[in-house]
Amino acid sequence: MDKQMRTVGIKMSIMMSVTMSLVLSLVGTLLGGHFNIPSWLISFAVSLIISLLIGLAVPIKKIVDAFCDKCNTDPQSMKGNLLSGIISDIIYTPIITVIMVIVMLKSAAKHAPAGAVPPVSRVLPVSLIVCMMVGYIVIITVQPLLIKMLTKNLRGNGMQLQMKEEDKQ
């Protein structure tokens, strides 16, 4: 069962990384005011790499479970989902946003006349606020759906395994 839960955790991390990268790269590119497919694809690729590294390096579930325990909240409850969303958003979104803003401004500086690209200090606060809000909404809506989808078969297999053991007795 532990191996199955680890597999679910890895799949969850990958799926949330793809989802967050897709949405945040789209939002970031749109906030830049010059949306084009190549910029968005570069943004998505960089964001996905960052998200995957964070997801594989940071034990989000352990952090969320520990935080929910301190708050006497079931991680699967609505309150647990909202707390989980805050924690995930605080871990993922600022890192992704800061790196993406820097990457996109450096890219824009290569193609724009001198002084035409705004400084990071002017772009980052707005991007961070918008991405934190959008990221939180995405997390609290998508994460429960992915958990249900990924654990549906797990529960079924667990029940079948339990029934087979009972049949043996």
Foldseek 3Di string as FASTA:
>chain_A
DVVLVVVLLLVLQLVLQLVLLLVLLVVVQVLVVDDDDVSSVVSSVVSSVLSNVLSVPDPLVVVLVVVCVVVVHDCLDLVNLLSSLLSVLVSRQLVSLLVSLVVVLVVVPVVDPPPPRDDCVVVRVVSSVVSSVVSSVCSSVVSSVSSCVSCVVVVVVVVVVVVVVVVVD
